[in-house]
Amino acid sequence: MRTNPNIVITGTPGVGKTTHAELLARNTGLKHLPINQVAKEHDCHEDWDEELQTWIVDEDKLLDALEPLVAPGGCILDWHACDLFPQRWVDLVVVIRCDSTTLFDRLTARGYSGKKLDENMDAEIMQMLLEEAKEGYDEEIVVELYSEVAEDVEQNVERVEQWIEAWKKAKNEERA
């Protein structure tokens, strides 16, 4: 039985996933796993999508690489999708959101344009990642948090830290 939870932090690119994950890892000692980096380190790329300017990931190979890292617990999985992670791995799914004007500004500052910008804006407006999370996991472990300004990040991380403490307490009571 795991002594620390596994948490997925997901959302459209530009909403603040990595900022949240890094602060949460620093505050809790959980291990931040930026999935793009894991995919690169374990050669999990199948191909390059020229139109979207992004790598296509071999999900089976990625899951094989992640399994030994995630099995003991205590991981923060930071990625723009969540439905590929098996339910048995995941104790909490945090979907980070932000308003479309803020997201547009963040993505254009990153150099996103054309189809890549449009698809990411549409994904946020249509709440695609929130719906993916709700469809893929028990609704009681899916949390939607907004990230507009720095104070939001701090409050969101505090909220997740409180959840982690409650999770640990419940697991300790189960073992007793």
Foldseek 3Di string as FASTA:
>chain_A
DALFAEEEEAEFPQQCQVVLQVVLCVVPVFAEDALVVLCVVQVQFDAADPVLRGTDGNLVSSCVSCCVVQVNHRYYYGYHADLSDAQVSHQAYEYEAEDLVQSLVRCVVVVDDDPNSVVSSVCRVVVVRLVSDVVRYPPVRYHYAYDRDPVSSVVVSVVVVVVRVVVSVVVVVVVD
